[in-house]
Protein backbone atom coordinates (compact mmCIF):
# COMPACT_ATOMS: atom_id res chain seq x y z
CA UNK A 1 -45.28 11.07 -15.26
CA UNK A 2 -41.44 10.36 -15.57
CA UNK A 3 -40.53 13.88 -14.48
CA UNK A 4 -42.97 13.72 -11.54
CA UNK A 5 -41.32 10.05 -10.35
CA UNK A 6 -37.95 11.83 -10.70
CA UNK A 7 -38.97 14.73 -8.63
CA UNK A 8 -40.35 12.37 -5.73
CA UNK A 9 -36.94 10.22 -5.79
CA UNK A 10 -34.78 13.23 -5.83
CA UNK A 11 -36.71 14.86 -3.11
CA UNK A 12 -36.65 11.80 -0.96
CA UNK A 13 -32.92 11.33 -1.25
CA UNK A 14 -32.24 14.95 -0.38
CA UNK A 15 -34.50 14.63 2.85
CA UNK A 16 -32.48 11.76 4.01
CA UNK A 17 -35.48 9.55 3.30
CA UNK A 18 -35.50 5.51 3.58
CA UNK A 19 -32.23 3.73 3.43
CA UNK A 20 -33.25 1.88 0.13
CA UNK A 21 -32.47 5.09 -1.52
CA UNK A 22 -29.19 5.78 0.28
CA UNK A 23 -26.31 3.84 1.18
CA UNK A 24 -25.33 4.10 4.74
CA UNK A 25 -21.71 5.67 5.05
CA UNK A 26 -20.48 5.16 8.60
CA UNK A 27 -18.28 7.70 9.58
CA UNK A 28 -15.71 7.14 12.33
CA UNK A 29 -14.07 10.18 13.71
CA UNK A 30 -9.95 9.86 13.42
CA UNK A 31 -7.81 9.15 16.28
CA UNK A 32 -4.66 11.34 17.00
CA UNK A 33 -1.03 9.59 17.06
CA UNK A 34 1.24 11.51 18.83
CA UNK A 35 5.38 10.20 18.64
CA UNK A 36 7.83 12.01 21.28
CA UNK A 37 11.45 11.76 21.68
CA UNK A 38 12.99 10.44 25.02
CA UNK A 39 15.03 13.34 26.43
CA UNK A 40 18.52 11.15 26.19
CA UNK A 41 17.76 10.53 22.75
CA UNK A 42 20.93 12.28 21.67
CA UNK A 43 21.32 15.85 20.51
CA UNK A 44 22.77 15.21 17.20
CA UNK A 45 20.35 12.27 16.30
CA UNK A 46 17.00 12.55 14.82
CA UNK A 47 14.58 10.23 13.27
CA UNK A 48 12.69 9.87 10.15
CA UNK A 49 9.17 8.70 10.57
CA UNK A 50 6.91 6.84 7.87
CA UNK A 51 3.13 6.15 8.14
CA UNK A 52 1.76 3.40 6.05
CA UNK A 53 5.46 3.56 3.89
CA UNK A 54 5.00 7.36 3.13
CA UNK A 55 7.54 9.74 4.63
CA UNK A 56 5.81 12.52 6.95
CA UNK A 57 9.26 13.98 7.88
CA UNK A 58 11.98 14.05 10.23
CA UNK A 59 11.89 14.72 14.11
CA UNK A 60 14.87 16.57 15.75
CA UNK A 61 16.01 17.41 19.12
CA UNK A 62 13.27 19.32 20.96
CA UNK A 63 10.00 18.50 18.65
CA UNK A 64 7.40 15.66 18.60
CA UNK A 65 5.09 14.66 15.70
CA UNK A 66 1.43 14.81 15.97
CA UNK A 67 -1.29 13.94 13.56
CA UNK A 68 -4.93 12.64 13.27
CA UNK A 69 -5.34 9.20 11.44
CA UNK A 70 -8.45 7.33 10.22
CA UNK A 71 -9.45 4.60 12.28
CA UNK A 72 -7.79 1.19 11.62
CA UNK A 73 -4.39 -0.48 11.70
CA UNK A 74 -1.20 1.53 10.49
CA UNK A 75 2.24 0.76 10.09
CA UNK A 76 4.60 3.30 12.05
CA UNK A 77 8.41 3.01 10.80
CA UNK A 78 11.52 4.95 12.11
CA UNK A 79 15.17 5.00 11.44
CA UNK A 80 17.79 7.19 12.52
CA UNK A 81 19.13 10.27 10.75
CA UNK A 82 21.70 11.10 9.76
CA UNK A 83 22.54 7.46 8.40
CA UNK A 84 25.69 6.73 10.20
CA UNK A 85 27.29 3.51 10.82
CA UNK A 86 24.60 0.68 11.35
CA UNK A 87 20.98 1.54 10.65
CA UNK A 88 17.90 -0.40 10.19
CA UNK A 89 14.32 0.62 10.35
CA UNK A 90 12.14 -0.67 12.80
CA UNK A 91 8.38 -0.83 12.40
CA UNK A 92 5.34 -0.94 14.55
CA UNK A 93 1.66 -1.56 13.92
CA UNK A 94 -0.75 0.63 15.61
CA UNK A 95 -4.76 -0.07 15.46
CA UNK A 96 -6.03 3.73 16.14
CA UNK A 97 -9.17 4.00 17.45
CA UNK A 98 -11.85 6.37 16.88
CA UNK A 99 -11.48 9.57 18.66
CA UNK A 100 -8.73 8.33 21.04
CA UNK A 101 -5.17 9.43 21.55
CA UNK A 102 -2.17 7.01 20.84
CA UNK A 103 1.02 8.15 22.48
CA UNK A 104 4.62 6.43 21.52
CA UNK A 105 8.04 7.53 22.69
CA UNK A 106 10.70 7.12 20.05
CA UNK A 107 14.03 5.66 21.84
CA UNK A 108 17.38 4.98 20.48
CA UNK A 109 19.48 2.21 21.48
CA UNK A 110 22.64 0.26 19.91
CA UNK A 111 21.93 2.05 16.66
CA UNK A 112 18.48 1.33 16.40
CA UNK A 113 15.54 3.84 16.96
CA UNK A 114 12.38 1.87 18.00
CA UNK A 115 9.03 3.13 18.95
CA UNK A 116 7.59 2.32 22.19
CA UNK A 117 3.73 2.70 23.07
CA UNK A 118 3.10 4.72 26.16
CA UNK A 119 2.64 3.13 29.49
CA UNK A 120 4.46 0.03 28.18
CA UNK A 121 8.17 -0.13 29.16
CA UNK A 122 10.39 -2.87 27.46
CA UNK A 123 14.01 -3.03 27.72
CA UNK A 124 15.56 -2.52 24.08
CA UNK A 125 16.53 -6.23 24.31
CA UNK A 126 12.85 -7.12 24.70
CA UNK A 127 11.83 -4.71 21.92
CA UNK A 128 14.47 -6.18 19.75
CA UNK A 129 13.22 -9.89 20.36
CA UNK A 130 9.57 -8.69 19.48
CA UNK A 131 10.98 -7.06 16.26
CA UNK A 132 10.13 -3.66 17.23
CA UNK A 133 6.57 -4.14 17.62
CA UNK A 134 6.18 -3.19 21.42
CA UNK A 135 3.91 -6.01 22.29
CA UNK A 136 5.07 -8.35 25.31
């Protein structure tokens, strides 16, 4: 009887039977993050991009960065390379929505690199007042 009972249980789980046997695991599609450089960023400057504290690479002239991220909040941090003179990282938080594209533009002003969300245009001073989070 034990073998028969196990066979029924395994059969029910394999067929996607009642939810009592399987825990529902909702899967949300990832969202796409795109980080571009402004044309006037500087021919001899780049920026290093960190996502959630992990470096994903440096972006130089003529390049951009694109990746798929799981849905939810992520911290994007950028700093100027090469690190000459005054440099300080700036961070912004993005809440990745499932299946959506999130566009950010890397801008450079007064020795700082900051990310500006697509469609939101703030002056560097306003961005500095908001601590680089891009929110008005």
